[in-house]
Amino acid sequence: MKVKVAVIAVLLLACSCLLTSYKRSRILISDIQPTVTFDWNKRFSFVPNDIRNCRELLFEKEELPKSFMDNYKRYLNTVTKMTRNVSQIEGYTAKIKEAFRAYLELASHSSVKTICETGFNAGHSTFGWLTINPDVHVYTFDIGQHSYSKPLADHLQDLYPERFHITWGDSTKTLPEFRRQHVDVSCDLIIIDGGHTTDICRSDLLNFKKMANKESVIILDNYPQKSWNFEKTLGDVWERAKRNGKISEIFRCHVDRIPHDFGFSVGRFINN
């Protein structure tokens, strides 16, 4: 019982530290299964035991290495140059400092060797993972609809030619084809942030399930989130997967903000 209480406490702390800078947040813990084998105390060791709010995740911990910050600033400058003629860049997680820091901590964990994601966009998160963890390989899948995505991906391939791998096209087709050709690729950390329709999200989730291992962590961006009807589209996929025994939800985070709310859910695949 003490072990269960400790695990739940760690998860609660991990959730509560995200995105508190917004007006109001709602954290839900659900569906923790007895078959979970993760050592969550290690996986979330970056969360202080007595943390009170999100900002402590940033300021009560050692700063990110100067070398990382210098490299990240250079990447931001590159993004600025390559998007000079773009009216607007699609939203990205790295804009939210607390969430970006949490993602970096998860990516830097010693057990994470392979990260798989749908939705490259401008590559902010991808650059962060590749830079913070010198051993990680990132496999990303993007439809390539933004004019800036391919030039920035080329830049990342110049920086990390052996560890950055990108596949362009419709992920409902490219993911299963990639899996057939690369049966040895097993994803330790999975991020679904590509097409935000019900069909594409469901396809990405099912395809990634076949590329996961028993300790894989899966993150679904933008759910729970009411903006753009994601509560219905993405939520339908996630909740059905839970009811059908495909996913065990570990925690979710929902944040009210202006003008749009934000959310994400974290879980694991069952019987992988």
C-alpha atoms as a PDB file:
ATOM      1  CA  MET A   1       0.000   0.000   0.000  1.00  0.00           C
ATOM      2  CA  LYS A   2       2.879   2.392   0.840  1.00  0.00           C
ATOM      3  CA  VAL A   3       4.435   1.718  -2.571  1.00  0.00           C
ATOM      4  CA  LYS A   4       1.138   2.452  -4.369  1.00  0.00           C
ATOM      5  CA  VAL A   5       0.698   5.677  -2.410  1.00  0.00           C
ATOM      6  CA  ALA A   6       4.257   6.742  -3.254  1.00  0.00           C
ATOM      7  CA  VAL A   7       3.784   6.061  -6.959  1.00  0.00           C
ATOM      8  CA  ILE A   8       0.499   7.970  -7.092  1.00  0.00           C
ATOM      9  CA  ALA A   9       2.080  10.851  -5.179  1.00  0.00           C
ATOM     10  CA  VAL A  10       4.903  11.095  -7.696  1.00  0.00           C
ATOM     11  CA  LEU A  11       2.428  11.164 -10.597  1.00  0.00           C
ATOM     12  CA  LEU A  12       0.369  13.844  -8.928  1.00  0.00           C
ATOM     13  CA  LEU A  13       3.461  15.959  -8.441  1.00  0.00           C
ATOM     14  CA  ALA A  14       4.537  15.441 -12.040  1.00  0.00           C
ATOM     15  CA  CYS A  15       1.139  16.579 -13.283  1.00  0.00           C
ATOM     16  CA  SER A  16       0.785  19.552 -10.988  1.00  0.00           C
ATOM     17  CA  CYS A  17       4.081  21.045 -12.073  1.00  0.00           C
ATOM     18  CA  LEU A  18       2.987  21.562 -15.678  1.00  0.00           C
ATOM     19  CA  LEU A  19       1.626  24.824 -17.028  1.00  0.00           C
ATOM     20  CA  THR A  20       0.693  26.459 -13.728  1.00  0.00           C
ATOM     21  CA  SER A  21       1.571  29.834 -15.196  1.00  0.00           C
ATOM     22  CA  TYR A  22      -1.887  29.871 -16.798  1.00  0.00           C
ATOM     23  CA  LYS A  23      -4.987  30.907 -14.888  1.00  0.00           C
ATOM     24  CA  ARG A  24      -6.346  27.534 -13.854  1.00  0.00           C
ATOM     25  CA  SER A  25      -5.368  23.897 -14.288  1.00  0.00           C
ATOM     26  CA  ARG A  26      -7.178  20.630 -13.729  1.00  0.00           C
ATOM     27  CA  ILE A  27      -5.196  17.433 -13.192  1.00  0.00           C
ATOM     28  CA  LEU A  28      -6.813  14.023 -13.355  1.00  0.00           C
ATOM     29  CA  ILE A  29      -5.262  10.682 -12.454  1.00  0.00           C
ATOM     30  CA  SER A  30      -6.935   7.575 -13.819  1.00  0.00           C
ATOM     31  CA  ASP A  31      -6.674   3.954 -14.840  1.00  0.00           C
ATOM     32  CA  ILE A  32      -3.386   3.098 -13.147  1.00  0.00           C
ATOM     33  CA  GLN A  33      -2.993  -0.624 -13.730  1.00  0.00           C
ATOM     34  CA  PRO A  34      -1.220  -3.078 -11.381  1.00  0.00           C
ATOM     35  CA  THR A  35       0.761  -4.364 -14.370  1.00  0.00           C
ATOM     36  CA  VAL A  36       2.696  -1.093 -14.769  1.00  0.00           C
ATOM     37  CA  THR A  37       6.398  -1.954 -14.575  1.00  0.00           C
ATOM     38  CA  PHE A  38       7.936   1.509 -14.859  1.00  0.00           C
ATOM     39  CA  ASP A  39      10.142   2.804 -12.074  1.00  0.00           C
ATOM     40  CA  TRP A  40       8.269   6.094 -11.903  1.00  0.00           C
ATOM     41  CA  ASN A  41      10.396   7.364  -9.030  1.00  0.00           C
ATOM     42  CA  LYS A  42      13.347   7.379 -11.422  1.00  0.00           C
ATOM     43  CA  ARG A  43      11.398   8.421 -14.501  1.00  0.00           C
ATOM     44  CA  PHE A  44      10.063  11.492 -12.673  1.00  0.00           C
ATOM     45  CA  SER A  45      13.056  12.101 -10.437  1.00  0.00           C
ATOM     46  CA  PHE A  46      13.280  15.641 -11.834  1.00  0.00           C
ATOM     47  CA  VAL A  47      10.177  16.567  -9.795  1.00  0.00           C
ATOM     48  CA  PRO A  48      11.105  17.810  -6.289  1.00  0.00           C
ATOM     49  CA  ASN A  49       9.382  15.917  -3.467  1.00  0.00           C
ATOM     50  CA  ASP A  50       7.996  19.092  -1.914  1.00  0.00           C
ATOM     51  CA  ILE A  51       7.076  20.874  -5.134  1.00  0.00           C
ATOM     52  CA  ARG A  52       4.232  23.385  -4.729  1.00  0.00           C
ATOM     53  CA  ASN A  53       3.746  24.701  -8.231  1.00  0.00           C
ATOM     54  CA  CYS A  54       4.930  24.489 -11.774  1.00  0.00           C
ATOM     55  CA  ARG A  55       7.603  27.138 -11.528  1.00  0.00           C
ATOM     56  CA  GLU A  56       9.532  25.079  -9.000  1.00  0.00           C
ATOM     57  CA  LEU A  57      10.166  22.580 -11.761  1.00  0.00           C
ATOM     58  CA  LEU A  58      12.195  25.300 -13.469  1.00  0.00           C
ATOM     59  CA  PHE A  59      13.686  27.282 -10.638  1.00  0.00           C
ATOM     60  CA  GLU A  60      14.242  24.763  -7.829  1.00  0.00           C
ATOM     61  CA  LYS A  61      16.309  22.575 -10.136  1.00  0.00           C
ATOM     62  CA  GLU A  62      19.681  23.146 -11.718  1.00  0.00           C
ATOM     63  CA  GLU A  63      19.522  25.157 -14.895  1.00  0.00           C
ATOM     64  CA  LEU A  64      19.803  23.357 -18.190  1.00  0.00           C
ATOM     65  CA  PRO A  65      23.432  23.051 -19.307  1.00  0.00           C
ATOM     66  CA  LYS A  66      24.796  26.230 -20.845  1.00  0.00           C
ATOM     67  CA  SER A  67      25.898  24.272 -23.892  1.00  0.00           C
ATOM     68  CA  PHE A  68      22.308  23.138 -24.444  1.00  0.00           C
ATOM     69  CA  MET A  69      20.888  26.629 -24.043  1.00  0.00           C
ATOM     70  CA  ASP A  70      23.490  28.097 -26.405  1.00  0.00           C
ATOM     71  CA  ASN A  71      22.668  25.470 -29.020  1.00  0.00           C
ATOM     72  CA  TYR A  72      18.932  25.966 -28.566  1.00  0.00           C
ATOM     73  CA  LYS A  73      19.247  29.731 -28.982  1.00  0.00           C
ATOM     74  CA  ARG A  74      21.156  29.159 -32.206  1.00  0.00           C
ATOM     75  CA  TYR A  75      18.371  26.882 -33.404  1.00  0.00           C
ATOM     76  CA  LEU A  76      15.766  29.525 -32.559  1.00  0.00           C
ATOM     77  CA  ASN A  77      17.752  32.014 -34.623  1.00  0.00           C
ATOM     78  CA  THR A  78      17.769  29.547 -37.506  1.00  0.00           C
ATOM     79  CA  VAL A  79      13.997  29.104 -37.218  1.00  0.00           C
ATOM     80  CA  THR A  80      13.551  32.876 -37.255  1.00  0.00           C
ATOM     81  CA  LYS A  81      15.637  33.224 -40.410  1.00  0.00           C
ATOM     82  CA  MET A  82      13.898  30.377 -42.217  1.00  0.00           C
ATOM     83  CA  THR A  83      10.418  31.627 -41.347  1.00  0.00           C
ATOM     84  CA  ARG A  84      11.055  35.291 -42.067  1.00  0.00           C
ATOM     85  CA  ASN A  85       8.491  35.336 -44.848  1.00  0.00           C
ATOM     86  CA  VAL A  86       5.963  33.183 -42.987  1.00  0.00           C
ATOM     87  CA  SER A  87       3.036  35.016 -41.435  1.00  0.00           C
ATOM     88  CA  GLN A  88       2.659  32.556 -38.557  1.00  0.00           C
ATOM     89  CA  ILE A  89       4.274  29.362 -37.274  1.00  0.00           C
ATOM     90  CA  GLU A  90       1.927  26.661 -36.058  1.00  0.00           C
ATOM     91  CA  GLY A  91       1.839  26.334 -32.273  1.00  0.00           C
ATOM     92  CA  TYR A  92       4.530  24.208 -30.642  1.00  0.00           C
ATOM     93  CA  THR A  93       5.144  22.755 -27.176  1.00  0.00           C
ATOM     94  CA  ALA A  94       8.514  24.443 -26.692  1.00  0.00           C
ATOM     95  CA  LYS A  95       6.726  27.794 -26.323  1.00  0.00           C
ATOM     96  CA  ILE A  96       5.517  26.562 -22.916  1.00  0.00           C
ATOM     97  CA  LYS A  97       8.644  26.550 -20.748  1.00  0.00           C
ATOM     98  CA  GLU A  98       7.382  24.181 -18.081  1.00  0.00           C
ATOM     99  CA  ALA A  99       6.098  21.595 -20.554  1.00  0.00           C
ATOM    100  CA  PHE A 100       9.254  21.825 -22.663  1.00  0.00           C
ATOM    101  CA  ARG A 101      11.398  21.262 -19.566  1.00  0.00           C
ATOM    102  CA  ALA A 102       9.351  18.200 -18.613  1.00  0.00           C
ATOM    103  CA  TYR A 103       9.658  16.802 -22.139  1.00  0.00           C
ATOM    104  CA  LEU A 104      13.415  17.302 -22.041  1.00  0.00           C
ATOM    105  CA  GLU A 105      13.664  15.515 -18.702  1.00  0.00           C
ATOM    106  CA  LEU A 106      11.725  12.525 -20.038  1.00  0.00           C
ATOM    107  CA  ALA A 107      13.800  12.443 -23.215  1.00  0.00           C
ATOM    108  CA  SER A 108      17.061  12.575 -21.277  1.00  0.00           C
ATOM    109  CA  HIS A 109      16.201   9.540 -19.144  1.00  0.00           C
ATOM    110  CA  SER A 110      18.765   6.751 -19.556  1.00  0.00           C
ATOM    111  CA  SER A 111      16.101   4.246 -20.638  1.00  0.00           C
ATOM    112  CA  VAL A 112      15.057   6.383 -23.617  1.00  0.00           C
ATOM    113  CA  LYS A 113      17.024   5.486 -26.722  1.00  0.00           C
ATOM    114  CA  THR A 114      14.346   5.951 -29.393  1.00  0.00           C
ATOM    115  CA  ILE A 115      11.721   8.679 -29.685  1.00  0.00           C
ATOM    116  CA  CYS A 116       8.948   8.477 -32.282  1.00  0.00           C
ATOM    117  CA  GLU A 117       6.631  11.355 -33.118  1.00  0.00           C
ATOM    118  CA  THR A 118       4.050  12.464 -35.610  1.00  0.00           C
ATOM    119  CA  GLY A 119       4.077  16.199 -36.226  1.00  0.00           C
ATOM    120  CA  PHE A 120       7.541  17.717 -36.787  1.00  0.00           C
ATOM    121  CA  ASN A 121       6.318  21.257 -37.524  1.00  0.00           C
ATOM    122  CA  ALA A 122       9.374  23.519 -36.983  1.00  0.00           C
ATOM    123  CA  GLY A 123      11.349  20.935 -35.019  1.00  0.00           C
ATOM    124  CA  HIS A 124      11.691  22.762 -31.698  1.00  0.00           C
ATOM    125  CA  SER A 125      10.975  19.683 -29.571  1.00  0.00           C
ATOM    126  CA  THR A 126      12.905  17.402 -31.918  1.00  0.00           C
ATOM    127  CA  PHE A 127      15.987  19.585 -31.643  1.00  0.00           C
ATOM    128  CA  GLY A 128      15.645  19.598 -27.866  1.00  0.00           C
ATOM    129  CA  TRP A 129      15.513  15.803 -27.602  1.00  0.00           C
ATOM    130  CA  LEU A 130      18.463  15.270 -29.928  1.00  0.00           C
ATOM    131  CA  THR A 131      20.539  17.853 -28.100  1.00  0.00           C
ATOM    132  CA  ILE A 132      19.729  16.909 -24.507  1.00  0.00           C
ATOM    133  CA  ASN A 133      20.313  13.173 -25.040  1.00  0.00           C
ATOM    134  CA  PRO A 134      23.395  12.259 -27.129  1.00  0.00           C
ATOM    135  CA  ASP A 135      22.271   8.626 -27.356  1.00  0.00           C
ATOM    136  CA  VAL A 136      18.709   9.118 -28.558  1.00  0.00           C
ATOM    137  CA  HIS A 137      17.478   8.533 -32.099  1.00  0.00           C
ATOM    138  CA  VAL A 138      14.387  10.451 -33.218  1.00  0.00           C
ATOM    139  CA  TYR A 139      12.033   9.125 -35.882  1.00  0.00           C
ATOM    140  CA  THR A 140       9.539  11.747 -36.941  1.00  0.00           C
ATOM    141  CA  PHE A 141       6.667  11.622 -39.403  1.00  0.00           C
ATOM    142  CA  ASP A 142       5.209  14.774 -40.913  1.00  0.00           C
ATOM    143  CA  ILE A 143       2.943  15.524 -43.854  1.00  0.00           C
ATOM    144  CA  GLY A 144       5.135  18.480 -44.829  1.00  0.00           C
ATOM    145  CA  GLN A 145       2.362  21.013 -45.339  1.00  0.00           C
ATOM    146  CA  HIS A 146       4.341  23.964 -43.953  1.00  0.00           C
ATOM    147  CA  SER A 147       6.899  25.628 -46.213  1.00  0.00           C
ATOM    148  CA  TYR A 148       9.401  25.911 -43.368  1.00  0.00           C
ATOM    149  CA  SER A 149       9.306  22.273 -42.209  1.00  0.00           C
ATOM    150  CA  LYS A 150      11.550  20.681 -44.846  1.00  0.00           C
ATOM    151  CA  PRO A 151      14.311  23.327 -44.720  1.00  0.00           C
ATOM    152  CA  LEU A 152      14.420  23.022 -40.917  1.00  0.00           C
ATOM    153  CA  ALA A 153      14.473  19.227 -41.160  1.00  0.00           C
ATOM    154  CA  ASP A 154      17.415  19.495 -43.571  1.00  0.00           C
ATOM    155  CA  HIS A 155      19.154  21.682 -41.011  1.00  0.00           C
ATOM    156  CA  LEU A 156      18.612  19.080 -38.289  1.00  0.00           C
ATOM    157  CA  GLN A 157      19.911  16.329 -40.544  1.00  0.00           C
ATOM    158  CA  ASP A 158      23.087  18.359 -41.039  1.00  0.00           C
ATOM    159  CA  LEU A 159      23.444  18.680 -37.268  1.00  0.00           C
ATOM    160  CA  TYR A 160      22.535  15.080 -36.384  1.00  0.00           C
ATOM    161  CA  PRO A 161      22.974  12.985 -39.542  1.00  0.00           C
ATOM    162  CA  GLU A 162      23.088   9.648 -37.696  1.00  0.00           C
ATOM    163  CA  ARG A 163      20.324  10.211 -35.154  1.00  0.00           C
ATOM    164  CA  PHE A 164      17.601  12.227 -36.866  1.00  0.00           C
ATOM    165  CA  HIS A 165      15.284  10.398 -39.255  1.00  0.00           C
ATOM    166  CA  ILE A 166      12.270  11.989 -40.918  1.00  0.00           C
ATOM    167  CA  THR A 167       9.619  10.527 -43.182  1.00  0.00           C
ATOM    168  CA  TRP A 168       7.398  12.825 -45.238  1.00  0.00           C
ATOM    169  CA  GLY A 169       3.835  12.109 -46.220  1.00  0.00           C
ATOM    170  CA  ASP A 170       0.497  10.930 -44.867  1.00  0.00           C
ATOM    171  CA  SER A 171       1.272   9.107 -41.616  1.00  0.00           C
ATOM    172  CA  THR A 172      -1.660   6.728 -42.123  1.00  0.00           C
ATOM    173  CA  LYS A 173       0.390   5.333 -45.016  1.00  0.00           C
ATOM    174  CA  THR A 174       4.002   6.116 -44.111  1.00  0.00           C
ATOM    175  CA  LEU A 175       3.894   4.704 -40.562  1.00  0.00           C
ATOM    176  CA  PRO A 176       2.799   1.159 -41.502  1.00  0.00           C
ATOM    177  CA  GLU A 177       5.238   1.148 -44.433  1.00  0.00           C
ATOM    178  CA  PHE A 178       8.065   2.304 -42.156  1.00  0.00           C
ATOM    179  CA  ARG A 179       7.196  -0.391 -39.638  1.00  0.00           C
ATOM    180  CA  ARG A 180       7.353  -3.088 -42.321  1.00  0.00           C
ATOM    181  CA  GLN A 181      10.759  -1.915 -43.470  1.00  0.00           C
ATOM    182  CA  HIS A 182      12.221  -1.257 -40.000  1.00  0.00           C
ATOM    183  CA  VAL A 183      11.028  -4.064 -37.753  1.00  0.00           C
ATOM    184  CA  ASP A 184      13.943  -3.415 -35.402  1.00  0.00           C
ATOM    185  CA  VAL A 185      12.776   0.089 -34.417  1.00  0.00           C
ATOM    186  CA  SER A 186      11.113   0.107 -30.994  1.00  0.00           C
ATOM    187  CA  CYS A 187       9.866   3.431 -29.606  1.00  0.00           C
ATOM    188  CA  ASP A 188      10.594   4.235 -25.940  1.00  0.00           C
ATOM    189  CA  LEU A 189       8.826   7.602 -25.986  1.00  0.00           C
ATOM    190  CA  ILE A 190       5.935   8.250 -28.393  1.00  0.00           C
ATOM    191  CA  ILE A 191       4.353  11.618 -29.119  1.00  0.00           C
ATOM    192  CA  ILE A 192       1.204  11.889 -31.235  1.00  0.00           C
ATOM    193  CA  ASP A 193       0.858  15.456 -32.462  1.00  0.00           C
ATOM    194  CA  GLY A 194       0.240  15.105 -36.195  1.00  0.00           C
ATOM    195  CA  GLY A 195      -3.115  15.136 -37.952  1.00  0.00           C
ATOM    196  CA  HIS A 196      -5.780  16.149 -35.441  1.00  0.00           C
ATOM    197  CA  THR A 197      -8.719  14.338 -37.004  1.00  0.00           C
ATOM    198  CA  THR A 198     -10.281  11.259 -35.450  1.00  0.00           C
ATOM    199  CA  ASP A 199      -9.201   8.934 -38.259  1.00  0.00           C
ATOM    200  CA  ILE A 200      -5.583  10.104 -38.424  1.00  0.00           C
ATOM    201  CA  CYS A 201      -5.145  10.091 -34.653  1.00  0.00           C
ATOM    202  CA  ARG A 202      -6.591   6.575 -34.381  1.00  0.00           C
ATOM    203  CA  SER A 203      -4.335   5.344 -37.173  1.00  0.00           C
ATOM    204  CA  ASP A 204      -1.217   6.877 -35.596  1.00  0.00           C
ATOM    205  CA  LEU A 205      -2.049   5.387 -32.219  1.00  0.00           C
ATOM    206  CA  LEU A 206      -2.609   1.876 -33.578  1.00  0.00           C
ATOM    207  CA  ASN A 207       0.504   1.991 -35.752  1.00  0.00           C
ATOM    208  CA  PHE A 208       2.658   3.230 -32.890  1.00  0.00           C
ATOM    209  CA  LYS A 209       1.288   0.464 -30.678  1.00  0.00           C
ATOM    210  CA  LYS A 210       2.960  -2.006 -33.031  1.00  0.00           C
ATOM    211  CA  MET A 211       6.246  -0.110 -32.630  1.00  0.00           C
ATOM    212  CA  ALA A 212       6.103   0.140 -28.833  1.00  0.00           C
ATOM    213  CA  ASN A 213       7.710  -1.971 -26.118  1.00  0.00           C
ATOM    214  CA  LYS A 214       6.474  -2.882 -22.650  1.00  0.00           C
ATOM    215  CA  GLU A 215       7.908   0.292 -21.093  1.00  0.00           C
ATOM    216  CA  SER A 216       6.957   2.749 -23.820  1.00  0.00           C
ATOM    217  CA  VAL A 217       5.381   6.024 -22.729  1.00  0.00           C
ATOM    218  CA  ILE A 218       2.807   7.556 -25.088  1.00  0.00           C
ATOM    219  CA  ILE A 219       1.795  11.214 -25.056  1.00  0.00           C
ATOM    220  CA  LEU A 220      -1.263  12.516 -26.884  1.00  0.00           C
ATOM    221  CA  ASP A 221      -1.037  16.266 -27.357  1.00  0.00           C
ATOM    222  CA  ASN A 222      -4.136  18.477 -27.291  1.00  0.00           C
ATOM    223  CA  TYR A 223      -6.378  16.202 -25.233  1.00  0.00           C
ATOM    224  CA  PRO A 224      -8.186  16.942 -22.996  1.00  0.00           C
ATOM    225  CA  GLN A 225      -8.771  20.208 -24.830  1.00  0.00           C
ATOM    226  CA  LYS A 226     -12.006  21.896 -25.880  1.00  0.00           C
ATOM    227  CA  SER A 227     -10.455  24.243 -28.439  1.00  0.00           C
ATOM    228  CA  TRP A 228     -10.972  23.251 -32.070  1.00  0.00           C
ATOM    229  CA  ASN A 229     -13.278  20.430 -30.944  1.00  0.00           C
ATOM    230  CA  PHE A 230     -10.309  18.253 -29.894  1.00  0.00           C
ATOM    231  CA  GLU A 231     -12.342  17.057 -26.894  1.00  0.00           C
ATOM    232  CA  LYS A 232     -14.508  15.192 -29.406  1.00  0.00           C
ATOM    233  CA  THR A 233     -12.054  14.195 -32.160  1.00  0.00           C
ATOM    234  CA  LEU A 234      -8.915  13.255 -30.235  1.00  0.00           C
ATOM    235  CA  GLY A 235     -10.881  12.449 -27.105  1.00  0.00           C
ATOM    236  CA  ASP A 236     -12.933   9.847 -28.930  1.00  0.00           C
ATOM    237  CA  VAL A 237      -9.769   8.014 -29.981  1.00  0.00           C
ATOM    238  CA  TRP A 238      -8.144   8.098 -26.539  1.00  0.00           C
ATOM    239  CA  GLU A 239     -11.231   7.141 -24.552  1.00  0.00           C
ATOM    240  CA  ARG A 240     -12.164   4.299 -26.919  1.00  0.00           C
ATOM    241  CA  ALA A 241      -8.623   2.941 -26.692  1.00  0.00           C
ATOM    242  CA  LYS A 242      -8.928   2.961 -22.909  1.00  0.00           C
ATOM    243  CA  ARG A 243     -12.320   1.243 -22.927  1.00  0.00           C
ATOM    244  CA  ASN A 244     -11.106  -1.358 -25.418  1.00  0.00           C
ATOM    245  CA  GLY A 245      -8.110  -2.241 -23.281  1.00  0.00           C
ATOM    246  CA  LYS A 246      -5.454  -0.877 -25.633  1.00  0.00           C
ATOM    247  CA  ILE A 247      -4.227   1.941 -23.400  1.00  0.00           C
ATOM    248  CA  SER A 248      -3.804   2.440 -19.688  1.00  0.00           C
ATOM    249  CA  GLU A 249      -3.955   6.139 -18.860  1.00  0.00           C
ATOM    250  CA  ILE A 250      -1.419   7.267 -16.299  1.00  0.00           C
ATOM    251  CA  PHE A 251      -2.313  10.926 -16.050  1.00  0.00           C
ATOM    252  CA  ARG A 252      -3.787  13.832 -17.975  1.00  0.00           C
ATOM    253  CA  CYS A 253      -3.369  17.560 -17.691  1.00  0.00           C
ATOM    254  CA  HIS A 254      -5.851  20.262 -18.714  1.00  0.00           C
ATOM    255  CA  VAL A 255      -5.104  23.965 -18.534  1.00  0.00           C
ATOM    256  CA  ASP A 256      -7.489  26.866 -19.075  1.00  0.00           C
ATOM    257  CA  ARG A 257      -5.799  29.731 -20.869  1.00  0.00           C
ATOM    258  CA  ILE A 258      -6.649  32.694 -23.037  1.00  0.00           C
ATOM    259  CA  PRO A 259      -7.621  32.508 -25.840  1.00  0.00           C
ATOM    260  CA  HIS A 260      -7.419  28.702 -26.046  1.00  0.00           C
ATOM    261  CA  ASP A 261      -7.158  25.950 -23.464  1.00  0.00           C
ATOM    262  CA  PHE A 262      -4.488  23.263 -23.681  1.00  0.00           C
ATOM    263  CA  GLY A 263      -4.156  19.647 -22.601  1.00  0.00           C
ATOM    264  CA  PHE A 264      -2.293  16.405 -23.011  1.00  0.00           C
ATOM    265  CA  SER A 265      -2.632  12.813 -21.835  1.00  0.00           C
ATOM    266  CA  VAL A 266       0.053  10.312 -20.896  1.00  0.00           C
ATOM    267  CA  GLY A 267      -0.324   6.556 -20.902  1.00  0.00           C
ATOM    268  CA  ARG A 268       1.097   3.188 -21.802  1.00  0.00           C
ATOM    269  CA  PHE A 269       0.033   0.466 -24.177  1.00  0.00           C
ATOM    270  CA  ILE A 270      -1.421  -2.660 -22.591  1.00  0.00           C
ATOM    271  CA  ASN A 271      -0.088  -6.126 -23.430  1.00  0.00           C
ATOM    272  CA  ASN A 272       2.891  -4.939 -25.462  1.00  0.00           C
END
